[in-house]
Amino acid sequence: MYDLEGVLGTAVIEFVDQHVRSLLTWDILVFFHRNPDAVLDVEGLASRLGRRSDELEPEIDSLCDGKVLVRAGGLIRYKPTADMRSVVGRFVESCQDRGRRLALIALVLHKINPGVAE
């Protein structure tokens, strides 16, 4: 088993534990981190991610509850605190490195299906 803390760092692991419910959440986070000024409705985001809008709703709600996204008037925007933005940045940066990306995938899959990714 990976030494996830050594590979990813405590802040990224805690962020994934608290905010990354699925690989779809991962896609949403990467999109908004790379497009921080984007303001979209669910259909627009679904189109950009190649997903159905009904799939996105629970993930968006969760990220809004976690204070990563804000939804007002049907529009979604990326509005984390400075600290949260920094952690999201480290998460997205980790996605770029193959070893750390594999560790992240294992961590998310373990959350989705405990016991399967062991």
Protein backbone atom coordinates (compact mmCIF):
# COMPACT_ATOMS: atom_id res chain seq x y z
CA MET A 1 0.00 0.00 0.00
CA TYR A 2 1.16 3.53 -0.76
CA ASP A 3 2.43 5.82 1.95
CA LEU A 4 -0.30 8.25 0.91
CA GLU A 5 0.68 10.92 3.38
CA GLY A 6 4.26 10.85 2.13
CA VAL A 7 3.15 10.92 -1.51
CA LEU A 8 0.31 13.44 -1.30
CA GLY A 9 0.73 15.37 1.95
CA THR A 10 -1.71 15.66 4.83
CA ALA A 11 -3.55 18.72 3.47
CA VAL A 12 -4.39 17.03 0.15
CA ILE A 13 -5.50 13.81 1.86
CA GLU A 14 -7.76 15.75 4.24
CA PHE A 15 -9.15 17.74 1.31
CA VAL A 16 -9.97 14.55 -0.59
CA ASP A 17 -11.55 13.04 2.53
CA GLN A 18 -13.75 16.08 3.05
CA HIS A 19 -14.57 17.23 -0.48
CA VAL A 20 -13.87 14.69 -3.24
CA ARG A 21 -16.88 12.37 -3.24
CA SER A 22 -16.20 10.85 -6.67
CA LEU A 23 -14.18 11.12 -9.85
CA LEU A 24 -16.87 13.50 -11.11
CA THR A 25 -16.20 15.83 -8.16
CA TRP A 26 -12.52 15.62 -9.16
CA ASP A 27 -13.41 16.75 -12.71
CA ILE A 28 -15.48 19.67 -11.40
CA LEU A 29 -12.66 20.81 -9.10
CA VAL A 30 -10.05 20.65 -11.85
CA PHE A 31 -12.34 22.54 -14.26
CA PHE A 32 -13.01 25.40 -11.84
CA HIS A 33 -9.42 25.60 -10.65
CA ARG A 34 -8.26 25.93 -14.26
CA ASN A 35 -11.13 28.32 -15.09
CA PRO A 36 -11.49 30.33 -11.86
CA ASP A 37 -13.55 33.09 -13.48
CA ALA A 38 -16.09 30.74 -15.06
CA VAL A 39 -19.72 31.39 -14.14
CA LEU A 40 -21.97 28.67 -15.51
CA ASP A 41 -25.35 27.11 -15.01
CA VAL A 42 -25.52 23.34 -14.51
CA GLU A 43 -26.22 22.70 -18.19
CA GLY A 44 -23.20 24.75 -19.25
CA LEU A 45 -20.93 22.93 -16.83
CA ALA A 46 -22.35 19.57 -17.91
CA SER A 47 -21.63 20.46 -21.53
CA ARG A 48 -18.04 21.43 -20.77
CA LEU A 49 -17.43 18.24 -18.79
CA GLY A 50 -19.26 15.97 -21.21
CA ARG A 51 -21.70 14.87 -18.49
CA ARG A 52 -25.42 14.98 -17.81
CA SER A 53 -26.63 17.83 -15.63
CA ASP A 54 -28.51 15.46 -13.28
CA GLU A 55 -25.19 13.71 -12.53
CA LEU A 56 -23.63 17.02 -11.50
CA GLU A 57 -26.30 18.23 -9.07
CA PRO A 58 -25.26 16.19 -5.98
CA GLU A 59 -21.57 16.95 -6.58
CA ILE A 60 -22.22 20.68 -6.98
CA ASP A 61 -24.39 20.70 -3.86
CA SER A 62 -21.63 19.00 -1.90
CA LEU A 63 -18.98 21.44 -3.14
CA CYS A 64 -21.29 24.35 -2.27
CA ASP A 65 -21.79 22.89 1.22
CA GLY A 66 -18.00 22.59 1.48
CA LYS A 67 -17.58 26.28 0.57
CA VAL A 68 -15.64 25.52 -2.62
CA LEU A 69 -18.37 26.58 -5.04
CA VAL A 70 -21.18 29.11 -4.71
CA ARG A 71 -24.53 28.89 -6.48
CA ALA A 72 -26.70 31.97 -6.84
CA GLY A 73 -29.53 32.54 -9.27
CA GLY A 74 -28.82 29.19 -10.91
CA LEU A 75 -25.22 30.16 -11.69
CA ILE A 76 -22.23 28.32 -10.26
CA ARG A 77 -18.89 29.92 -9.55
CA TYR A 78 -15.63 28.96 -7.89
CA LYS A 79 -15.32 30.89 -4.66
CA PRO A 80 -13.08 29.13 -2.12
CA THR A 81 -11.26 30.90 0.68
CA ALA A 82 -7.60 31.67 0.02
CA ASP A 83 -6.56 28.64 2.09
CA MET A 84 -9.01 26.37 0.29
CA ARG A 85 -7.85 27.70 -3.09
CA SER A 86 -4.29 26.80 -2.11
CA VAL A 87 -5.26 23.24 -1.17
CA VAL A 88 -7.31 22.82 -4.37
CA GLY A 89 -4.21 24.02 -6.24
CA ARG A 90 -2.09 21.34 -4.54
CA PHE A 91 -4.75 18.75 -5.36
CA VAL A 92 -4.80 19.77 -9.05
CA GLU A 93 -1.00 19.88 -9.11
CA SER A 94 -0.94 16.35 -7.70
CA CYS A 95 -3.13 15.26 -10.60
CA GLN A 96 -0.32 16.20 -13.00
CA ASP A 97 2.23 13.76 -11.55
CA ARG A 98 1.61 10.11 -12.46
CA GLY A 99 2.57 8.65 -9.08
CA ARG A 100 0.54 11.16 -7.11
CA ARG A 101 -2.39 10.84 -9.53
CA LEU A 102 -2.43 7.06 -8.99
CA ALA A 103 -2.37 7.63 -5.22
CA LEU A 104 -5.29 10.07 -5.56
CA ILE A 105 -7.26 7.62 -7.69
CA ALA A 106 -6.67 4.88 -5.11
CA LEU A 107 -7.79 7.22 -2.32
CA VAL A 108 -10.98 8.27 -4.13
CA LEU A 109 -11.83 4.72 -5.20
CA HIS A 110 -11.35 3.53 -1.63
CA LYS A 111 -13.84 6.19 -0.50
CA ILE A 112 -16.36 5.04 -3.11
CA ASN A 113 -15.87 1.32 -2.44
CA PRO A 114 -14.11 0.70 0.91
CA GLY A 115 -12.25 -2.59 0.89
CA VAL A 116 -12.03 -2.85 -2.90
CA ALA A 117 -8.92 -0.71 -3.46
CA GLU A 118 -6.86 -2.46 -0.79
